[in-house]
Amino acid sequence: LQCLTYSPLAGYLLELDVDNSKNNMIAELQSHIRKVWKRNELLSRTEPSRIGSEEDSDDSAETVTCKTEDIDVARSLLKRTLHNGRMQDAHEALVDIQAQLLASCGAHKSLKGQALVDWERSTIVHDVFGSDLEQACVCSACGFRSPSTHVEMMLMLNATLGLRDEDFLLSAESSMEKPWESRSATREALKRGSGTSPRETPPTTVEELLKLYFSTETIDDYACDECHERCRCDKVSGFRTTPNCLAAYIDRQPQYNQLFGKLNRVVTFGETLDLAPFCVEPGADETYRLYAVVCHLDVAGSTFFGHYVCYVRDDGERWWLLDDESVRPVGWDAV
């Protein structure tokens, strides 16, 4: 929610004329964003208080106060991102919020197929987060290319990309009970976390995960629609159109039951990201600047316990750590 408050979406919602009488996600999010930005504007005009010492006269001690209403996140806004009986993670919450923002954009329940896709492309949600990912099979015999595209609102990259089978070996002995076999085994697995420390699991970068995500796949027995030959083809993929705001999620839940718990593999990133190498036809400039990061602080390597914090960058190029009620400036190294 903090990241959305300072996202390009906030720029739209600060200017748009939204019917606040409607009980929908756009109206609630706009109300929240306007409260936060109004308070920030007032605070930015306020000089820090200077408290005088006992030796100072009353005239030399200056106290500046700024009375603003407290920001109380609407319970209904947070409630919209919860399932009955369990909390969601940040990825699920954003997917849910995006879906409800789309639902707030108008009646579309009767639309299907391409008509629904075209309608989604006309909305504010697609304007901010939407991109077109293209997959194409290129025939090795005749070179025929058969592309298909789909709309993507968020790119999901798995932290397991590029790891070898031996990287998933648990440090525990094979004779030890499996986590799902008993409560005691579950407790032990939680203590061990993923079973591998960040030093033991080879680190990676966001760029490397993107390369692996969009890597070419070879299909040996392919029936070409153009030359009707059965031959090898290369399955290639990339951005047909890039989003105005790129949302990327690093999935740290190991797949295929390789590990129990969260994979705490180091994934490094910079303040800028060039998407040109991952585009089907790169535009003039595909450079993105990082403005926010959401972090999950786990408990004993667990994916279902922990705490979320986020970092956001303001228009003065300063980074801030937002941890519930605590807000403090931090350097890029901390981010």
Protein backbone atom coordinates (compact mmCIF):
# COMPACT_ATOMS: atom_id res chain seq x y z
CA LEU A 1 0.00 0.00 0.00
CA GLN A 2 2.90 2.36 0.76
CA CYS A 3 4.46 1.60 -2.63
CA LEU A 4 1.15 2.27 -4.41
CA THR A 5 0.84 5.56 -2.52
CA TYR A 6 4.04 6.80 -4.20
CA SER A 7 3.61 5.02 -7.54
CA PRO A 8 2.77 6.60 -10.92
CA LEU A 9 -0.79 5.47 -10.17
CA ALA A 10 -0.87 8.06 -7.38
CA GLY A 11 -0.26 10.82 -9.95
CA TYR A 12 -3.44 9.79 -11.76
CA LEU A 13 -5.53 9.49 -8.60
CA LEU A 14 -4.42 12.89 -7.30
CA GLU A 15 -5.80 14.51 -10.47
CA LEU A 16 -8.77 12.34 -11.49
CA ASP A 17 -12.32 13.27 -10.59
CA VAL A 18 -13.55 10.08 -8.92
CA ASP A 19 -17.05 9.52 -7.58
CA ASN A 20 -16.27 8.95 -3.88
CA SER A 21 -19.83 7.85 -3.19
CA LYS A 22 -19.04 4.54 -4.86
CA ASN A 23 -17.64 1.88 -2.57
CA ASN A 24 -14.84 0.62 -4.82
CA MET A 25 -11.09 0.28 -4.77
CA ILE A 26 -10.30 3.35 -6.90
CA ALA A 27 -12.35 5.65 -4.64
CA GLU A 28 -10.85 4.23 -1.44
CA LEU A 29 -7.28 4.27 -2.75
CA GLN A 30 -7.70 7.84 -4.01
CA SER A 31 -8.99 8.98 -0.61
CA HIS A 32 -6.03 7.37 1.13
CA ILE A 33 -3.45 8.78 -1.31
CA ARG A 34 -4.86 12.31 -1.07
CA LYS A 35 -4.70 12.18 2.74
CA VAL A 36 -1.08 11.08 2.70
CA TRP A 37 0.03 13.59 0.08
CA LYS A 38 -1.80 16.45 1.81
CA ARG A 39 -0.05 15.64 5.06
CA ASN A 40 3.33 15.33 3.34
CA GLU A 41 2.84 18.71 1.68
CA LEU A 42 2.08 20.33 5.03
CA LEU A 43 5.04 18.65 6.71
CA SER A 44 7.38 19.76 3.90
CA ARG A 45 6.51 23.40 4.67
CA THR A 46 7.28 23.02 8.37
CA GLU A 47 10.70 23.76 9.82
CA PRO A 48 12.04 21.32 12.42
CA SER A 49 11.32 22.37 16.00
CA ARG A 50 14.19 23.97 17.91
CA ILE A 51 13.94 23.61 21.67
CA GLY A 52 15.79 26.21 23.74
CA SER A 53 18.04 25.32 26.68
CA GLU A 54 17.70 26.74 30.18
CA GLU A 55 20.21 29.48 29.30
CA ASP A 56 18.20 30.56 26.25
CA SER A 57 15.64 33.29 26.61
CA ASP A 58 12.06 32.64 25.61
CA ASP A 59 12.62 34.67 22.46
CA SER A 60 15.50 32.49 21.25
CA ALA A 61 13.59 29.23 21.62
CA GLU A 62 11.43 28.63 18.60
CA THR A 63 8.75 25.95 18.51
CA VAL A 64 7.01 25.17 15.25
CA THR A 65 3.94 22.98 15.23
CA CYS A 66 2.01 21.51 12.34
CA LYS A 67 -1.49 20.32 13.13
CA THR A 68 -2.67 17.78 10.61
CA GLU A 69 -5.10 14.94 10.83
CA ASP A 70 -3.59 11.55 11.52
CA ILE A 71 -3.46 9.16 8.61
CA ASP A 72 -5.61 6.18 9.47
CA VAL A 73 -5.56 3.56 6.74
CA ALA A 74 -9.16 2.62 5.98
CA ARG A 75 -9.84 -0.80 7.42
CA SER A 76 -12.06 -1.54 4.46
CA LEU A 77 -9.11 -0.90 2.12
CA LEU A 78 -6.92 -3.43 3.91
CA LYS A 79 -9.82 -5.82 4.33
CA ARG A 80 -10.14 -6.06 0.57
CA THR A 81 -6.75 -7.79 0.40
CA LEU A 82 -7.52 -10.54 2.93
CA HIS A 83 -8.95 -13.98 2.51
CA ASN A 84 -11.11 -15.39 5.28
CA GLY A 85 -8.88 -16.98 7.90
CA ARG A 86 -5.48 -16.07 6.48
CA MET A 87 -3.37 -13.12 5.44
CA GLN A 88 -1.98 -12.69 1.95
CA ASP A 89 1.57 -11.93 0.98
CA ALA A 90 2.46 -8.69 -0.80
CA HIS A 91 2.36 -10.30 -4.25
CA GLU A 92 -1.14 -11.73 -3.73
CA ALA A 93 -2.31 -8.42 -2.26
CA LEU A 94 -1.12 -6.41 -5.28
CA VAL A 95 -2.72 -8.88 -7.72
CA ASP A 96 -5.95 -8.60 -5.74
CA ILE A 97 -5.81 -4.78 -5.65
CA GLN A 98 -5.13 -4.63 -9.42
CA ALA A 99 -8.14 -6.88 -10.07
CA GLN A 100 -10.37 -4.70 -7.90
CA LEU A 101 -9.05 -1.53 -9.56
CA LEU A 102 -10.02 -3.06 -12.90
CA ALA A 103 -13.47 -3.90 -11.53
CA SER A 104 -13.82 -0.25 -10.44
CA CYS A 105 -13.22 0.99 -14.00
CA GLY A 106 -16.69 0.04 -15.26
CA ALA A 107 -18.98 -2.75 -16.34
CA HIS A 108 -17.08 -5.48 -18.17
CA LYS A 109 -18.62 -8.72 -16.91
CA SER A 110 -20.34 -9.35 -20.24
CA LEU A 111 -17.08 -9.00 -22.21
CA LYS A 112 -15.11 -12.06 -23.25
CA GLY A 113 -12.02 -12.92 -25.27
CA GLN A 114 -10.44 -10.14 -27.30
CA ALA A 115 -13.19 -7.68 -26.33
CA LEU A 116 -12.22 -8.08 -22.66
CA VAL A 117 -8.52 -7.65 -23.49
CA ASP A 118 -9.24 -4.49 -25.50
CA TRP A 119 -11.31 -3.11 -22.62
CA GLU A 120 -8.52 -3.82 -20.11
CA ARG A 121 -6.08 -1.95 -22.35
CA SER A 122 -8.31 1.13 -22.17
CA THR A 123 -8.23 1.33 -18.36
CA ILE A 124 -6.05 3.34 -15.99
CA VAL A 125 -4.71 0.09 -14.48
CA HIS A 126 -3.29 -1.08 -17.81
CA ASP A 127 -2.03 2.43 -18.50
CA VAL A 128 0.16 2.18 -15.40
CA PHE A 129 1.09 -1.50 -15.06
CA GLY A 130 0.14 -3.18 -18.34
CA SER A 131 2.56 -4.70 -20.82
CA ASP A 132 2.30 -7.14 -23.74
CA LEU A 133 4.48 -10.24 -23.55
CA GLU A 134 5.07 -12.02 -26.83
CA GLN A 135 5.93 -15.67 -27.45
CA ALA A 136 6.85 -16.89 -30.91
CA CYS A 137 7.88 -20.21 -32.45
CA VAL A 138 10.49 -19.76 -35.19
CA CYS A 139 10.67 -22.70 -37.62
CA SER A 140 14.22 -23.87 -38.37
CA ALA A 141 13.19 -25.10 -41.83
CA CYS A 142 11.47 -22.05 -43.32
CA GLY A 143 12.02 -19.35 -40.69
CA PHE A 144 8.27 -18.78 -40.25
CA ARG A 145 7.44 -16.93 -37.05
CA SER A 146 4.09 -17.54 -35.31
CA PRO A 147 3.70 -14.99 -32.50
CA SER A 148 1.09 -14.75 -29.74
CA THR A 149 0.77 -12.02 -27.12
CA HIS A 150 -0.87 -11.71 -23.72
CA VAL A 151 -1.35 -8.85 -21.26
CA GLU A 152 0.78 -8.92 -18.12
CA MET A 153 0.33 -6.62 -15.11
CA MET A 154 3.23 -8.01 -13.09
CA LEU A 155 6.34 -10.00 -13.95
CA MET A 156 6.93 -12.99 -11.67
CA LEU A 157 10.53 -14.20 -11.46
CA ASN A 158 11.39 -17.29 -9.42
CA ALA A 159 14.52 -17.13 -7.28
CA THR A 160 15.28 -20.74 -8.28
CA LEU A 161 16.03 -19.77 -11.89
CA GLY A 162 19.57 -20.80 -12.85
CA LEU A 163 20.15 -23.08 -9.85
CA ARG A 164 21.41 -26.61 -10.37
CA ASP A 165 19.97 -29.72 -8.76
CA GLU A 166 22.87 -29.91 -6.29
CA ASP A 167 22.04 -26.40 -5.08
CA PHE A 168 18.79 -27.76 -3.67
CA LEU A 169 20.36 -30.43 -1.50
CA LEU A 170 19.28 -30.05 2.10
CA SER A 171 22.05 -29.80 4.67
CA ALA A 172 20.22 -32.28 6.85
CA GLU A 173 20.89 -36.02 6.59
CA SER A 174 18.63 -37.99 4.27
CA SER A 175 17.50 -40.15 7.19
CA MET A 176 15.97 -37.16 8.96
CA GLU A 177 12.19 -36.90 9.04
CA LYS A 178 10.59 -34.87 6.25
CA PRO A 179 8.91 -31.58 7.35
CA TRP A 180 5.43 -32.81 6.48
CA GLU A 181 5.75 -36.07 8.43
CA SER A 182 5.37 -34.72 11.97
CA ARG A 183 5.10 -31.52 14.01
CA SER A 184 8.58 -31.97 15.46
CA ALA A 185 10.02 -32.31 11.95
CA THR A 186 8.14 -29.18 10.91
CA ARG A 187 9.61 -27.24 13.84
CA GLU A 188 13.10 -28.43 12.96
CA ALA A 189 12.62 -27.47 9.31
CA LEU A 190 11.49 -23.98 10.34
CA LYS A 191 14.64 -23.59 12.43
CA ARG A 192 16.79 -24.61 9.46
CA GLY A 193 14.79 -22.42 7.09
CA SER A 194 15.50 -23.29 3.47
CA GLY A 195 18.32 -25.62 4.48
CA THR A 196 20.87 -23.50 2.67
CA SER A 197 22.40 -20.22 3.77
CA PRO A 198 22.79 -17.27 1.36
CA ARG A 199 26.53 -18.08 1.16
CA GLU A 200 25.83 -21.64 0.06
CA THR A 201 23.25 -20.71 -2.58
CA PRO A 202 24.89 -18.94 -5.56
CA PRO A 203 23.78 -15.29 -5.67
CA THR A 204 22.12 -13.79 -8.74
CA THR A 205 20.82 -10.49 -10.11
CA VAL A 206 17.50 -9.23 -11.39
CA GLU A 207 19.03 -8.93 -14.86
CA GLU A 208 20.16 -12.56 -14.77
CA LEU A 209 16.70 -13.74 -13.69
CA LEU A 210 15.20 -11.77 -16.59
CA LYS A 211 17.63 -13.39 -19.03
CA LEU A 212 16.62 -16.84 -17.79
CA TYR A 213 12.91 -15.92 -17.81
CA PHE A 214 13.11 -14.85 -21.47
CA SER A 215 15.67 -17.47 -22.56
CA THR A 216 15.12 -19.30 -25.85
CA GLU A 217 13.57 -22.76 -25.60
CA THR A 218 14.20 -25.42 -28.26
CA ILE A 219 11.39 -27.75 -29.39
CA ASP A 220 12.62 -30.75 -31.35
CA ASP A 221 9.39 -32.11 -32.82
CA TYR A 222 7.53 -29.06 -34.13
CA ALA A 223 4.83 -29.04 -36.81
CA CYS A 224 5.16 -25.81 -38.77
CA ASP A 225 1.89 -24.20 -39.95
CA GLU A 226 3.67 -22.60 -42.92
CA CYS A 227 5.86 -25.31 -44.51
CA HIS A 228 4.08 -28.24 -42.79
CA GLU A 229 7.42 -29.85 -41.97
CA ARG A 230 8.13 -31.53 -38.65
CA CYS A 231 11.37 -30.03 -37.49
CA ARG A 232 13.10 -28.15 -34.71
CA CYS A 233 11.95 -24.68 -33.69
CA ASP A 234 13.10 -22.00 -31.30
CA LYS A 235 10.53 -20.64 -28.86
CA VAL A 236 11.46 -17.03 -28.15
CA SER A 237 9.79 -14.48 -25.88
CA GLY A 238 10.05 -10.84 -24.84
CA PHE A 239 8.21 -7.58 -24.29
CA ARG A 240 6.15 -6.49 -27.29
CA THR A 241 5.20 -3.34 -25.34
CA THR A 242 6.77 -2.35 -22.03
CA PRO A 243 4.80 -1.03 -19.01
CA ASN A 244 4.88 2.54 -17.77
CA CYS A 245 5.49 1.14 -14.29
CA LEU A 246 7.20 -2.25 -14.06
CA ALA A 247 6.07 -4.40 -11.14
CA ALA A 248 8.35 -7.40 -10.62
CA TYR A 249 7.91 -10.10 -8.00
CA ILE A 250 10.73 -12.39 -6.84
CA ASP A 251 9.10 -15.68 -5.84
CA ARG A 252 11.12 -17.29 -3.05
CA GLN A 253 8.92 -20.34 -2.60
CA PRO A 254 11.00 -23.25 -3.94
CA GLN A 255 9.26 -25.37 -6.55
CA TYR A 256 8.99 -29.11 -6.94
CA ASN A 257 9.39 -29.70 -3.16
CA GLN A 258 13.14 -29.10 -3.41
CA LEU A 259 13.18 -27.22 -0.12
CA PHE A 260 10.90 -26.51 2.79
CA GLY A 261 10.38 -22.84 3.58
CA LYS A 262 11.72 -19.70 1.99
CA LEU A 263 14.71 -19.63 -0.35
CA ASN A 264 16.85 -16.78 1.00
CA ARG A 265 18.99 -16.49 -2.11
CA VAL A 266 20.73 -13.15 -2.60
CA VAL A 267 19.22 -11.26 -5.58
CA THR A 268 21.00 -7.97 -6.22
CA PHE A 269 19.65 -5.02 -8.19
CA GLY A 270 20.60 -1.50 -9.15
CA GLU A 271 18.76 1.80 -9.16
CA THR A 272 18.23 1.52 -12.92
CA LEU A 273 17.16 -1.37 -15.14
CA ASP A 274 17.39 -1.51 -18.93
CA LEU A 275 14.63 -3.63 -20.50
CA ALA A 276 15.90 -3.18 -24.06
CA PRO A 277 17.65 -6.62 -24.16
CA PHE A 278 14.32 -8.23 -23.27
CA CYS A 279 12.17 -6.44 -25.88
CA VAL A 280 11.07 -7.90 -29.21
CA GLU A 281 11.60 -4.48 -30.80
CA PRO A 282 13.33 -2.09 -28.35
CA GLY A 283 12.14 1.50 -28.27
CA ALA A 284 14.26 4.62 -27.99
CA ASP A 285 14.70 4.30 -24.22
CA GLU A 286 13.71 1.34 -22.09
CA THR A 287 15.52 2.41 -18.91
CA TYR A 288 13.57 2.19 -15.66
CA ARG A 289 14.42 3.86 -12.35
CA LEU A 290 13.66 2.04 -9.12
CA TYR A 291 11.26 3.88 -6.83
CA ALA A 292 10.12 1.22 -4.35
CA VAL A 293 11.05 -2.17 -2.90
CA VAL A 294 8.92 -4.44 -0.69
CA CYS A 295 10.82 -6.81 1.60
CA HIS A 296 9.59 -9.82 3.56
CA LEU A 297 11.45 -10.34 6.83
CA ASP A 298 10.94 -14.01 7.56
CA VAL A 299 10.89 -15.90 10.84
CA ALA A 300 13.19 -18.95 10.75
CA GLY A 301 12.99 -19.19 6.98
CA SER A 302 9.20 -19.53 6.98
CA THR A 303 7.01 -18.30 4.14
CA PHE A 304 3.91 -18.05 6.34
CA PHE A 305 5.38 -15.99 9.19
CA GLY A 306 7.19 -12.68 9.13
CA HIS A 307 6.84 -8.97 8.60
CA TYR A 308 6.78 -6.65 5.58
CA VAL A 309 8.67 -3.37 5.23
CA CYS A 310 9.22 -1.19 2.18
CA TYR A 311 11.63 1.39 0.86
CA VAL A 312 10.46 4.32 -1.29
CA ARG A 313 12.36 7.07 -3.09
CA ASP A 314 11.02 10.62 -2.98
CA ASP A 315 11.35 13.28 -5.67
CA GLY A 316 14.41 14.63 -3.85
CA GLU A 317 16.27 11.36 -4.56
CA ARG A 318 16.17 10.34 -0.88
CA TRP A 319 15.27 6.82 0.18
CA TRP A 320 12.98 6.14 3.14
CA LEU A 321 12.32 2.99 5.14
CA LEU A 322 8.61 2.61 5.96
CA ASP A 323 7.98 0.07 8.71
CA ASP A 324 4.39 0.43 9.93
CA GLU A 325 4.36 3.64 12.02
CA SER A 326 8.15 4.06 11.77
CA VAL A 327 9.49 6.17 8.88
CA ARG A 328 13.16 7.08 8.61
CA PRO A 329 15.64 8.09 5.90
CA VAL A 330 18.18 5.48 4.76
CA GLY A 331 21.04 5.29 2.30
CA TRP A 332 21.14 3.29 -0.93
CA ASP A 333 23.32 0.66 0.75
CA ALA A 334 20.47 -0.15 3.13
CA VAL A 335 18.05 -0.48 0.22
